N, C-alpha and C. Protein backbone atom coordinates (compact mmCIF):
# COMPACT_ATOMS: atom_id res chain seq x y z
N MET A 1 135.07 224.55 192.32
CA MET A 1 135.87 224.77 191.69
C MET A 1 135.80 224.48 190.11
N THR A 2 136.26 224.97 189.05
CA THR A 2 136.28 224.18 187.31
C THR A 2 137.13 223.47 186.73
N ARG A 3 136.67 221.90 186.43
CA ARG A 3 137.45 221.22 186.41
C ARG A 3 138.09 221.17 184.87
N LEU A 4 139.63 221.28 185.24
CA LEU A 4 140.36 221.67 184.32
C LEU A 4 140.83 220.77 183.33
N SER A 5 140.74 220.40 181.67
CA SER A 5 140.61 219.64 180.91
C SER A 5 142.52 219.93 180.14
N THR A 6 142.86 221.07 180.83
CA THR A 6 144.86 221.22 180.27
C THR A 6 144.76 222.35 181.29
N PRO A 7 146.31 221.92 181.67
CA PRO A 7 147.06 222.48 182.18
C PRO A 7 147.80 224.00 182.00
N ALA A 8 147.74 224.48 183.30
CA ALA A 8 147.72 225.94 182.57
C ALA A 8 149.47 226.31 182.32
N ALA A 9 149.33 227.31 181.39
CA ALA A 9 150.57 227.62 180.46
C ALA A 9 151.83 227.70 182.08
N ASN A 10 152.95 227.55 181.77
CA ASN A 10 153.96 227.31 182.82
C ASN A 10 155.04 228.89 182.31
N PHE A 11 154.88 229.82 182.68
CA PHE A 11 155.13 231.26 182.17
C PHE A 11 156.88 231.44 183.78
N ASP A 12 156.99 230.47 184.15
CA ASP A 12 158.44 230.47 185.18
C ASP A 12 159.65 231.18 184.60
N LYS A 13 159.85 230.11 183.51
CA LYS A 13 161.31 230.58 182.94
C LYS A 13 161.58 231.49 182.37
N LEU A 14 160.08 232.43 181.69
CA LEU A 14 160.29 233.77 181.62
C LEU A 14 160.16 234.87 181.98
N ALA A 15 160.17 234.54 183.78
CA ALA A 15 159.76 235.70 184.31
C ALA A 15 160.86 236.88 184.32
N HIS A 16 162.24 236.69 184.40
CA HIS A 16 163.19 237.58 184.09
C HIS A 16 163.50 238.23 182.68
N ILE A 17 163.20 237.23 181.89
CA ILE A 17 163.48 237.66 180.39
C ILE A 17 162.44 238.48 179.96
N TYR A 18 161.17 238.20 180.33
CA TYR A 18 159.75 239.02 179.70
C TYR A 18 159.73 240.43 179.33
N ARG A 19 160.21 241.13 179.87
CA ARG A 19 160.31 242.29 179.63
C ARG A 19 161.64 242.64 178.37
N TRP A 20 162.26 241.86 177.97
CA TRP A 20 163.44 242.39 177.28
C TRP A 20 162.73 241.76 175.78
N MET A 21 162.05 240.45 176.10
CA MET A 21 161.58 239.14 175.00
C MET A 21 160.62 240.83 174.20
N GLU A 22 159.20 241.19 175.12
CA GLU A 22 158.48 242.24 174.93
C GLU A 22 158.87 243.16 174.27
N TYR A 23 160.04 243.80 174.69
CA TYR A 23 160.79 245.18 173.81
C TYR A 23 161.64 244.45 172.63
N CYS A 24 161.85 243.79 172.56
CA CYS A 24 162.81 243.32 171.10
C CYS A 24 161.83 242.82 170.34
N SER A 25 160.31 242.22 170.92
CA SER A 25 159.24 242.08 169.35
C SER A 25 158.54 243.74 168.94
N PHE A 26 157.22 244.38 170.14
CA PHE A 26 157.10 245.06 169.47
C PHE A 26 157.72 246.80 170.68
N GLY A 27 158.92 247.05 170.66
CA GLY A 27 159.52 247.81 170.98
C GLY A 27 158.33 248.77 172.23
N PRO A 28 157.64 249.85 172.51
CA PRO A 28 157.37 249.90 173.98
C PRO A 28 156.15 250.00 173.64
N TYR A 29 155.48 249.39 172.63
CA TYR A 29 153.70 249.43 172.09
C TYR A 29 152.94 248.85 173.08
N LEU A 30 153.61 247.29 173.28
CA LEU A 30 152.64 246.69 174.77
C LEU A 30 152.54 247.72 176.14
N ALA A 31 153.70 248.67 176.13
CA ALA A 31 153.64 249.42 177.45
C ALA A 31 152.69 250.13 177.29
N ARG A 32 152.52 251.09 176.42
CA ARG A 32 151.79 252.03 176.06
C ARG A 32 149.90 251.22 175.68
N CYS A 33 150.04 249.84 175.23
CA CYS A 33 148.37 249.62 175.26
C CYS A 33 148.22 249.62 177.55
N ARG A 34 148.84 248.92 177.49
CA ARG A 34 149.06 249.00 179.36
C ARG A 34 148.56 250.33 180.25
N PHE A 35 149.47 251.24 179.44
CA PHE A 35 148.94 252.69 180.93
C PHE A 35 148.27 253.74 179.74
N HIS A 36 147.55 252.80 179.04
CA HIS A 36 146.74 254.45 177.50
C HIS A 36 145.86 254.71 178.73
N PHE A 37 145.04 253.88 179.42
CA PHE A 37 143.81 254.49 180.34
C PHE A 37 144.12 254.83 181.57
N LEU A 38 145.25 254.79 182.19
CA LEU A 38 145.50 255.09 183.96
C LEU A 38 145.42 255.88 183.99
N SER A 39 144.96 256.85 183.38
CA SER A 39 144.58 257.92 183.70
C SER A 39 142.98 258.42 183.76
N GLU A 40 142.67 257.40 183.76
CA GLU A 40 141.10 257.25 183.81
C GLU A 40 140.69 256.69 185.34
N LEU A 41 141.18 255.95 185.58
CA LEU A 41 141.61 255.39 187.00
C LEU A 41 141.36 255.64 188.55
N GLY A 42 141.71 256.90 188.50
CA GLY A 42 142.00 257.11 189.82
C GLY A 42 140.00 257.49 190.48
N GLY A 43 138.91 257.13 190.47
CA GLY A 43 137.85 256.87 190.87
C GLY A 43 137.84 255.40 191.14
N CYS A 44 139.09 254.45 190.99
CA CYS A 44 138.54 253.17 191.67
C CYS A 44 139.54 252.97 193.24
N ARG A 45 138.96 251.54 193.62
CA ARG A 45 139.12 252.08 194.97
C ARG A 45 140.32 250.11 195.64
N ASN A 46 139.30 249.09 194.37
CA ASN A 46 139.40 248.14 194.62
C ASN A 46 139.61 247.10 193.22
N GLY A 47 141.39 246.79 192.94
CA GLY A 47 141.30 246.23 191.85
C GLY A 47 142.10 245.29 191.65
N LEU A 48 141.40 244.14 191.12
CA LEU A 48 141.27 242.49 190.01
C LEU A 48 142.76 242.34 189.04
N ILE A 49 143.23 242.73 189.20
CA ILE A 49 144.93 242.68 187.88
C ILE A 49 145.07 240.46 187.72
N LEU A 50 145.02 240.13 186.16
CA LEU A 50 145.19 238.91 186.23
C LEU A 50 146.23 239.07 185.37
N GLY A 51 146.88 238.13 185.48
CA GLY A 51 147.98 237.64 184.92
C GLY A 51 149.36 238.84 184.55
N ASP A 52 150.09 240.00 185.38
CA ASP A 52 150.42 241.08 185.26
C ASP A 52 151.38 241.20 184.95
N GLY A 53 151.84 239.58 184.67
CA GLY A 53 153.33 239.73 184.16
C GLY A 53 154.71 240.08 185.53
N ASP A 54 155.54 240.76 184.89
CA ASP A 54 156.68 241.44 185.41
C ASP A 54 156.06 242.59 186.53
N GLY A 55 154.99 242.89 187.12
CA GLY A 55 154.30 243.99 187.54
C GLY A 55 154.75 244.90 186.82
N ARG A 56 154.60 245.46 185.70
CA ARG A 56 154.53 247.22 185.46
C ARG A 56 153.90 248.02 185.53
N PHE A 57 152.47 246.59 184.94
CA PHE A 57 151.32 248.17 185.03
C PHE A 57 150.90 248.07 186.87
N THR A 58 150.70 246.73 187.59
CA THR A 58 150.85 247.35 188.85
C THR A 58 151.44 248.03 189.98
N SER A 59 153.21 247.87 189.35
CA SER A 59 153.63 249.45 190.01
C SER A 59 153.28 250.51 189.79
N ARG A 60 152.68 250.52 188.41
CA ARG A 60 152.11 252.41 188.16
C ARG A 60 151.20 252.57 188.81
N LEU A 61 150.66 251.44 188.40
CA LEU A 61 149.23 251.70 189.05
C LEU A 61 148.61 252.35 190.85
N LEU A 62 149.35 251.40 191.65
CA LEU A 62 149.74 251.80 193.09
C LEU A 62 150.97 253.52 193.03
N ARG A 63 151.47 252.87 192.45
CA ARG A 63 152.73 254.46 192.33
C ARG A 63 151.33 255.87 192.27
N SER A 64 150.50 255.65 191.62
CA SER A 64 149.80 256.94 190.97
C SER A 64 148.73 256.82 191.53
N TYR A 65 148.41 255.80 192.29
CA TYR A 65 147.01 256.14 193.01
C TYR A 65 147.53 255.61 194.41
N ALA A 66 147.17 256.04 195.47
CA ALA A 66 147.84 255.64 197.14
C ALA A 66 146.78 255.35 197.52
N HIS A 67 145.30 255.74 196.67
CA HIS A 67 143.92 254.82 197.76
C HIS A 67 143.56 253.52 196.75
N ILE A 68 144.51 252.75 196.06
CA ILE A 68 143.95 251.95 195.51
C ILE A 68 144.62 250.55 196.11
N TRP A 69 143.78 249.52 195.94
CA TRP A 69 144.61 248.69 197.02
C TRP A 69 144.18 247.07 195.46
N VAL A 70 145.25 246.32 195.04
CA VAL A 70 144.69 245.51 194.45
C VAL A 70 145.16 244.32 194.85
N ARG A 71 144.74 243.26 193.90
CA ARG A 71 144.74 241.49 194.17
C ARG A 71 145.14 241.10 192.74
N VAL A 72 146.38 240.72 193.13
CA VAL A 72 146.72 240.65 191.50
C VAL A 72 147.06 238.84 191.96
N LEU A 73 146.41 238.10 190.12
CA LEU A 73 146.17 236.56 190.29
C LEU A 73 147.57 236.36 189.17
N ASP A 74 147.83 235.24 189.50
CA ASP A 74 148.81 234.73 188.61
C ASP A 74 149.61 233.13 188.26
N ALA A 75 149.34 232.35 187.59
CA ALA A 75 149.38 231.10 187.98
C ALA A 75 150.72 230.67 187.97
N SER A 76 152.16 231.54 188.05
CA SER A 76 152.91 231.39 187.90
C SER A 76 153.95 231.78 188.91
N PRO A 77 154.65 230.42 189.81
CA PRO A 77 154.85 231.83 191.50
C PRO A 77 156.24 232.21 190.75
N ALA A 78 156.94 232.06 189.59
CA ALA A 78 158.14 233.11 189.46
C ALA A 78 157.53 233.99 189.50
N MET A 79 156.51 234.49 188.07
CA MET A 79 156.50 235.27 187.46
C MET A 79 155.58 236.62 188.84
N LEU A 80 155.28 236.08 189.74
CA LEU A 80 154.48 237.00 191.09
C LEU A 80 155.69 237.14 191.88
N ARG A 81 156.65 236.64 192.18
CA ARG A 81 157.71 236.76 192.73
C ARG A 81 158.50 237.91 192.12
N VAL A 82 158.81 237.96 190.86
CA VAL A 82 159.43 239.35 190.13
C VAL A 82 158.16 240.43 190.51
N LEU A 83 157.19 240.04 190.18
CA LEU A 83 156.08 240.90 190.46
C LEU A 83 156.08 241.75 191.70
N THR A 84 156.26 241.00 192.77
CA THR A 84 156.14 241.36 193.73
C THR A 84 157.32 242.11 194.34
N HIS A 85 158.53 241.92 194.12
CA HIS A 85 160.07 242.94 193.89
C HIS A 85 159.53 244.66 193.86
N ALA A 86 158.88 244.60 192.29
CA ALA A 86 158.67 245.61 191.31
C ALA A 86 158.01 246.38 192.38
N VAL A 87 156.80 245.71 193.57
CA VAL A 87 155.55 246.58 193.85
C VAL A 87 155.83 247.20 195.12
N GLU A 88 157.42 246.58 195.41
CA GLU A 88 157.88 246.57 196.86
C GLU A 88 157.33 247.83 197.34
N PRO A 89 158.17 248.46 197.17
CA PRO A 89 157.29 250.16 197.47
C PRO A 89 155.89 250.43 198.47
N PHE A 90 155.18 249.31 197.54
CA PHE A 90 153.76 249.49 198.17
C PHE A 90 152.75 248.12 198.27
N GLU A 91 153.59 247.36 198.92
CA GLU A 91 153.09 246.29 198.72
C GLU A 91 152.16 245.85 200.39
N ASP A 92 152.00 247.49 201.03
CA ASP A 92 151.09 247.44 201.65
C ASP A 92 149.58 247.37 201.38
N ARG A 93 149.16 247.37 200.06
CA ARG A 93 148.19 247.72 199.13
C ARG A 93 148.15 246.12 198.15
N LEU A 94 148.85 245.69 198.30
CA LEU A 94 148.86 244.39 197.52
C LEU A 94 148.86 242.93 198.05
N VAL A 95 147.58 242.57 197.48
CA VAL A 95 148.27 241.29 197.90
C VAL A 95 147.61 240.28 196.45
N THR A 96 148.97 238.90 196.76
CA THR A 96 148.90 238.12 195.49
C THR A 96 148.80 236.99 195.89
N GLN A 97 147.92 236.07 194.51
CA GLN A 97 147.73 235.09 195.22
C GLN A 97 148.04 233.79 193.71
N CYS A 98 148.61 232.88 193.59
CA CYS A 98 148.94 231.99 192.68
C CYS A 98 148.01 230.65 192.53
N VAL A 99 147.50 231.06 191.31
CA VAL A 99 146.21 230.28 190.56
C VAL A 99 146.37 230.12 189.77
N ASP A 100 145.58 228.88 189.46
CA ASP A 100 145.11 229.35 187.77
C ASP A 100 143.42 229.43 187.36
N ILE A 101 143.61 230.82 186.63
CA ILE A 101 142.61 231.60 186.89
C ILE A 101 141.40 231.06 186.74
N ARG A 102 141.51 230.02 185.69
CA ARG A 102 139.91 229.10 185.02
C ARG A 102 139.22 228.18 186.52
N SER A 103 140.08 227.99 187.68
CA SER A 103 139.66 227.70 188.62
C SER A 103 139.45 228.47 189.64
N TRP A 104 139.55 229.96 189.75
CA TRP A 104 139.51 230.70 190.62
C TRP A 104 138.17 231.18 191.40
N GLN A 105 137.65 230.81 192.11
CA GLN A 105 136.43 231.38 192.60
C GLN A 105 136.77 232.95 193.68
N PRO A 106 136.27 234.16 193.46
CA PRO A 106 135.99 235.55 194.39
C PRO A 106 135.84 235.22 195.62
N ALA A 107 136.21 235.49 196.77
CA ALA A 107 136.42 235.39 197.81
C ALA A 107 134.82 235.95 198.61
N HIS A 108 133.98 235.34 199.27
CA HIS A 108 132.54 235.99 199.87
C HIS A 108 132.88 237.35 200.31
N GLY A 109 131.46 238.02 199.83
CA GLY A 109 131.89 239.67 200.40
C GLY A 109 132.96 240.21 199.53
N ALA A 110 134.21 239.58 198.08
CA ALA A 110 134.72 240.74 198.07
C ALA A 110 134.43 241.36 196.81
N GLU A 111 134.56 242.73 196.45
CA GLU A 111 134.32 243.26 195.56
C GLU A 111 135.28 244.04 195.02
N TYR A 112 135.27 244.35 193.51
CA TYR A 112 135.76 245.04 192.92
C TYR A 112 135.91 246.28 191.76
N ASP A 113 136.38 247.22 191.46
CA ASP A 113 135.52 248.64 190.98
C ASP A 113 136.74 248.22 189.70
N LEU A 114 137.86 247.76 189.32
CA LEU A 114 138.51 247.94 188.78
C LEU A 114 139.33 246.35 188.40
N ILE A 115 139.12 246.06 186.75
CA ILE A 115 139.75 244.93 186.90
C ILE A 115 140.30 244.74 186.01
N ALA A 116 141.63 244.16 185.59
CA ALA A 116 142.99 244.34 184.71
C ALA A 116 142.98 243.21 184.60
N THR A 117 143.12 243.18 182.83
CA THR A 117 143.79 241.92 182.04
C THR A 117 144.94 242.64 181.05
N HIS A 118 145.91 242.54 180.77
CA HIS A 118 146.55 242.58 180.03
C HIS A 118 147.73 242.05 178.99
N PHE A 119 146.93 241.97 178.04
CA PHE A 119 147.45 240.46 177.03
C PHE A 119 148.02 239.26 177.97
N PHE A 120 146.41 238.93 178.58
CA PHE A 120 146.05 237.64 179.50
C PHE A 120 145.09 236.91 178.58
N LEU A 121 143.89 237.76 178.08
CA LEU A 121 142.93 237.15 178.06
C LEU A 121 142.81 236.34 176.87
N ASP A 122 143.77 236.28 176.16
CA ASP A 122 144.73 235.58 174.42
C ASP A 122 144.84 234.73 175.50
N CYS A 123 145.61 233.83 176.57
CA CYS A 123 145.50 232.45 176.85
C CYS A 123 144.55 231.91 176.73
N LEU A 124 143.17 232.43 177.09
CA LEU A 124 142.20 231.63 177.00
C LEU A 124 141.41 231.69 176.20
N SER A 125 140.02 230.82 176.17
CA SER A 125 139.60 230.29 175.32
C SER A 125 138.48 231.21 174.99
N THR A 126 137.69 231.71 174.30
CA THR A 126 136.05 232.59 173.81
C THR A 126 135.08 231.38 175.86
N GLY A 127 134.93 230.74 175.64
CA GLY A 127 134.29 229.73 176.44
C GLY A 127 134.46 230.37 178.00
N GLU A 128 136.47 230.33 178.31
CA GLU A 128 136.71 230.64 179.62
C GLU A 128 136.88 231.52 179.48
N ILE A 129 136.40 232.41 178.71
CA ILE A 129 136.22 234.43 179.27
C ILE A 129 135.47 234.69 179.30
N GLU A 130 134.11 233.99 179.11
CA GLU A 130 132.77 233.97 179.65
C GLU A 130 132.62 233.59 181.12
N ASP A 131 133.53 232.33 181.79
CA ASP A 131 132.98 231.98 182.41
C ASP A 131 133.74 232.15 183.75
N LEU A 132 134.70 233.43 182.85
CA LEU A 132 136.07 234.15 183.95
C LEU A 132 134.85 235.25 184.49
N ALA A 133 134.41 236.12 183.03
CA ALA A 133 133.81 236.87 182.90
C ALA A 133 132.13 236.55 184.56
N ALA A 134 132.25 235.50 184.13
CA ALA A 134 130.45 235.37 185.14
C ALA A 134 130.64 235.04 186.74
N SER A 135 132.14 234.87 186.86
CA SER A 135 132.51 234.85 188.40
C SER A 135 133.04 236.22 188.83
N ILE A 136 133.68 237.28 187.89
CA ILE A 136 133.44 238.26 188.95
C ILE A 136 132.48 239.05 188.56
N ASN A 137 131.57 238.81 187.72
CA ASN A 137 130.14 239.55 187.96
C ASN A 137 130.04 239.94 189.36
N GLY A 138 129.38 238.43 189.52
CA GLY A 138 129.25 238.86 190.96
C GLY A 138 130.08 239.15 192.15
N HIS A 139 130.47 239.61 191.54
CA HIS A 139 131.48 240.88 192.89
C HIS A 139 132.20 241.49 192.35
N ALA A 140 131.96 242.34 190.60
CA ALA A 140 132.37 243.71 190.12
C ALA A 140 131.26 245.25 190.89
N SER A 141 131.28 246.02 190.80
CA SER A 141 130.75 246.62 191.94
C SER A 141 129.92 247.77 190.28
N SER A 142 128.87 247.96 191.22
CA SER A 142 127.76 248.27 189.60
C SER A 142 127.99 249.40 188.07
N ASN A 143 129.47 249.65 188.86
CA ASN A 143 130.08 250.87 187.95
C ASN A 143 131.52 250.83 187.72
N ALA A 144 131.82 249.22 188.11
CA ALA A 144 133.15 248.45 187.70
C ALA A 144 133.69 248.61 186.69
N LEU A 145 134.99 249.07 186.35
CA LEU A 145 136.08 249.15 184.63
C LEU A 145 136.77 247.88 185.26
N TRP A 146 136.91 247.95 183.47
CA TRP A 146 137.41 246.52 183.15
C TRP A 146 138.36 247.02 181.60
N LEU A 147 139.57 247.11 182.67
CA LEU A 147 140.73 247.36 181.44
C LEU A 147 141.18 246.01 180.81
N VAL A 148 141.24 246.35 179.40
CA VAL A 148 141.91 245.35 178.22
C VAL A 148 143.19 246.02 177.85
N SER A 149 143.97 244.85 177.39
CA SER A 149 145.01 245.39 176.69
C SER A 149 145.03 244.51 175.68
N GLU A 150 145.08 244.24 174.17
CA GLU A 150 145.40 242.37 173.75
C GLU A 150 145.76 242.76 171.98
N PHE A 151 145.83 241.57 171.58
CA PHE A 151 146.06 241.31 170.18
C PHE A 151 145.25 241.84 169.67
N SER A 152 144.62 241.53 168.36
CA SER A 152 143.77 242.12 167.53
C SER A 152 144.21 241.80 166.53
N ILE A 153 143.17 241.72 165.19
CA ILE A 153 143.07 241.29 163.75
C ILE A 153 142.65 242.30 163.14
N PRO A 154 143.07 243.51 162.22
CA PRO A 154 142.96 244.36 161.55
C PRO A 154 141.78 243.90 160.64
N LYS A 155 141.25 244.24 160.20
CA LYS A 155 140.64 243.89 158.74
C LYS A 155 141.50 244.67 157.49
N GLY A 156 141.46 244.24 156.02
CA GLY A 156 142.14 244.14 155.50
C GLY A 156 143.40 243.71 154.90
N ILE A 157 144.25 244.31 153.82
CA ILE A 157 145.55 243.08 153.54
C ILE A 157 146.37 243.25 155.19
N LEU A 158 146.62 244.52 155.83
CA LEU A 158 147.34 244.11 156.83
C LEU A 158 146.41 243.03 158.18
N GLY A 159 145.42 243.05 158.52
CA GLY A 159 145.25 242.14 159.12
C GLY A 159 145.16 240.60 158.35
N ARG A 160 145.13 240.68 157.25
CA ARG A 160 145.79 238.85 156.63
C ARG A 160 146.74 238.70 156.06
N PHE A 161 147.24 239.77 156.02
CA PHE A 161 148.94 239.30 155.45
C PHE A 161 150.37 239.46 156.84
N VAL A 162 149.67 240.19 157.55
CA VAL A 162 150.57 240.49 158.83
C VAL A 162 150.24 240.40 160.22
N ALA A 163 149.16 240.37 160.06
CA ALA A 163 148.31 240.60 161.32
C ALA A 163 148.06 238.99 161.76
N VAL A 164 147.55 238.52 160.64
CA VAL A 164 147.63 236.29 161.13
C VAL A 164 148.73 236.06 161.06
N PRO A 165 149.49 236.04 160.13
CA PRO A 165 150.82 235.22 160.38
C PRO A 165 151.64 235.55 161.53
N LEU A 166 151.50 236.31 161.97
CA LEU A 166 152.62 237.13 163.37
C LEU A 166 151.99 237.00 164.70
N VAL A 167 150.51 236.49 164.94
CA VAL A 167 149.83 236.29 166.11
C VAL A 167 150.34 234.70 165.99
N GLY A 168 149.72 233.58 164.67
CA GLY A 168 150.03 232.76 164.20
C GLY A 168 151.60 232.14 164.94
N VAL A 169 152.81 233.14 164.57
CA VAL A 169 154.30 233.12 165.00
C VAL A 169 154.02 232.66 166.80
N LEU A 170 153.46 233.70 166.87
CA LEU A 170 153.21 234.41 168.55
C LEU A 170 153.00 232.76 169.24
N TYR A 171 151.95 232.47 169.02
CA TYR A 171 151.16 231.53 169.74
C TYR A 171 152.38 230.41 169.43
N ARG A 172 152.56 230.00 167.92
CA ARG A 172 153.68 229.09 168.69
C ARG A 172 154.81 228.99 169.06
N GLY A 173 155.16 230.14 169.16
CA GLY A 173 156.66 230.16 170.35
C GLY A 173 155.80 230.25 171.96
N PHE A 174 154.96 230.49 172.29
CA PHE A 174 154.78 230.67 173.91
C PHE A 174 153.98 228.91 174.00
N ARG A 175 153.78 228.48 172.79
CA ARG A 175 153.14 227.05 172.96
C ARG A 175 155.02 225.87 173.06
N LEU A 176 155.42 226.03 172.55
CA LEU A 176 157.40 225.79 172.81
C LEU A 176 158.04 226.29 173.98
N LEU A 177 157.37 227.50 174.47
CA LEU A 177 158.27 227.91 175.31
C LEU A 177 157.60 227.52 176.61
N THR A 178 155.68 228.08 176.96
CA THR A 178 155.26 227.86 178.09
C THR A 178 154.12 226.24 178.18
N GLY A 179 154.35 225.95 177.05
CA GLY A 179 152.92 225.18 176.37
C GLY A 179 151.81 225.27 176.62
N LEU A 180 151.49 226.61 176.11
CA LEU A 180 150.10 227.23 175.60
C LEU A 180 149.47 226.65 175.30
N ARG A 181 148.49 225.92 175.57
CA ARG A 181 147.88 224.93 174.70
C ARG A 181 146.46 225.75 173.31
N GLN A 182 146.18 227.23 174.05
CA GLN A 182 145.18 228.08 173.24
C GLN A 182 146.26 228.28 172.49
N GLN A 183 146.18 228.31 170.94
CA GLN A 183 146.62 228.85 169.95
C GLN A 183 145.78 229.35 168.69
N ALA A 184 144.71 230.44 168.87
CA ALA A 184 144.05 231.47 168.22
C ALA A 184 143.73 232.09 169.34
N LEU A 185 143.53 233.93 168.99
CA LEU A 185 142.84 234.56 169.39
C LEU A 185 141.37 234.18 169.43
N PRO A 186 141.09 234.72 171.31
CA PRO A 186 140.13 234.18 171.87
C PRO A 186 138.89 235.48 171.64
N ASP A 187 137.71 235.78 171.32
CA ASP A 187 136.51 236.91 170.27
C ASP A 187 135.93 237.47 172.27
N TYR A 188 137.38 237.46 172.41
CA TYR A 188 136.96 238.43 173.87
C TYR A 188 136.21 239.65 173.80
N LYS A 189 135.88 239.97 172.62
CA LYS A 189 134.97 241.72 172.62
C LYS A 189 133.61 240.42 173.27
N ALA A 190 133.57 239.59 171.77
CA ALA A 190 131.96 239.18 172.41
C ALA A 190 131.77 238.21 173.97
N ALA A 191 132.52 237.85 173.93
CA ALA A 191 132.64 237.27 175.42
C ALA A 191 132.03 237.73 176.77
N LEU A 192 133.14 238.87 176.43
CA LEU A 192 132.99 240.54 177.58
C LEU A 192 130.88 240.81 177.18
N ALA A 193 131.23 241.24 175.49
CA ALA A 193 129.74 241.80 176.43
C ALA A 193 128.19 240.67 175.87
N LYS A 194 128.81 239.46 175.83
CA LYS A 194 127.58 238.49 176.44
C LYS A 194 127.14 238.43 177.70
N SER A 195 128.80 238.90 178.54
CA SER A 195 128.50 238.83 180.11
C SER A 195 128.35 240.32 180.78
N GLY A 196 127.27 241.10 180.00
CA GLY A 196 127.54 242.40 180.59
C GLY A 196 128.07 243.49 180.77
N TRP A 197 129.34 243.31 179.55
CA TRP A 197 129.78 244.41 179.93
C TRP A 197 130.15 245.78 178.45
N VAL A 198 130.47 246.81 178.56
CA VAL A 198 129.86 247.48 177.53
C VAL A 198 131.81 248.31 176.82
N LEU A 199 131.35 247.90 175.82
CA LEU A 199 133.57 249.00 175.30
C LEU A 199 132.37 250.68 175.22
N GLN A 200 133.46 251.31 176.06
CA GLN A 200 132.98 252.99 176.33
C GLN A 200 134.12 253.41 174.79
N ARG A 201 135.36 252.65 175.40
CA ARG A 201 136.43 253.61 174.30
C ARG A 201 137.52 252.16 173.75
N GLU A 202 138.77 252.65 172.84
CA GLU A 202 139.08 251.96 172.35
C GLU A 202 140.05 252.74 171.45
N HIS A 203 141.99 252.56 172.35
CA HIS A 203 142.67 253.17 171.63
C HIS A 203 143.44 251.90 170.47
N ALA A 204 143.70 252.29 169.01
CA ALA A 204 144.77 251.20 168.41
C ALA A 204 146.50 251.43 167.94
N TYR A 205 147.25 251.18 168.30
CA TYR A 205 148.51 250.36 167.82
C TYR A 205 148.11 250.25 166.86
N LEU A 206 150.20 250.19 166.22
CA LEU A 206 150.05 249.29 164.87
C LEU A 206 148.85 249.64 164.44
N GLY A 207 148.44 250.34 163.99
CA GLY A 207 147.47 250.10 162.85
C GLY A 207 146.36 249.07 162.68
N GLY A 208 146.10 248.94 164.33
CA GLY A 208 145.36 247.69 164.83
C GLY A 208 145.82 246.59 165.54
N LEU A 209 146.47 246.02 165.37
CA LEU A 209 147.60 245.09 166.25
C LEU A 209 147.55 244.98 167.53
N LEU A 210 147.24 246.06 167.99
CA LEU A 210 147.03 246.12 169.48
C LEU A 210 146.29 246.80 169.84
N VAL A 211 145.62 246.75 171.06
CA VAL A 211 144.38 247.49 171.08
C VAL A 211 144.10 248.06 172.96
N SER A 212 143.97 249.09 173.28
CA SER A 212 143.50 249.17 174.32
C SER A 212 142.39 249.52 174.38
N GLN A 213 141.68 248.81 175.46
CA GLN A 213 139.91 249.28 175.60
C GLN A 213 139.40 249.19 177.47
N LEU A 214 138.85 250.54 177.39
CA LEU A 214 138.30 250.18 178.78
C LEU A 214 136.85 249.90 178.49
N TRP A 215 135.88 249.09 178.76
CA TRP A 215 135.24 248.62 179.43
C TRP A 215 134.28 249.46 180.72
N GLN A 216 133.06 248.98 180.62
CA GLN A 216 132.29 248.86 181.92
C GLN A 216 131.29 248.29 182.09
N ARG A 217 131.06 248.13 183.69
CA ARG A 217 129.66 246.78 184.27
C ARG A 217 128.47 247.53 183.10
N ALA A 218 127.27 247.22 182.41
CA ALA A 218 126.43 247.48 182.00
C ALA A 218 125.72 247.92 183.67
């Protein structure tokens, strides 16, 4: 187990209002990011989903593919309860685990061909993402896919004068509401690439402020 220097952010109080916070701030665009590459996951069988919040992606994934089984990890018991309720029709293919992902270790013999992190990596530092990828690599199949939805800072005026201050406001807000310690976007692209994952495709929304990415294990 990794020795943690800071506690995990506590998202319990946001569990029942997270969807509405999202729609009020970014409308449908975060959801569009989550589902952008959903149609290309039909070859997957065993998924590992990290921090799916209220479970909209998990529910849609299980509804779309009757052969997929998933394990969902989250540090928030309240979020997991909301997610479990949303996924209730497919609960026979769902396992949840309440754990701080920074200290999680995959079970012996577990193997995943799909990893999904939607607006989750921004809660970690670049080094923590590298550690997470290293843990997952030992339990990822040779052709595994990693689906990422995240905030990004586009180049140019939009990035400097819109994205940077907006992301800063979001971080400060989540620190106030949840105790989130991370206060800047990590370099998740470099962390995944360093860990042996190759970016296959990327689709941007809102001028590059939001990105949906499909990575594959090298």
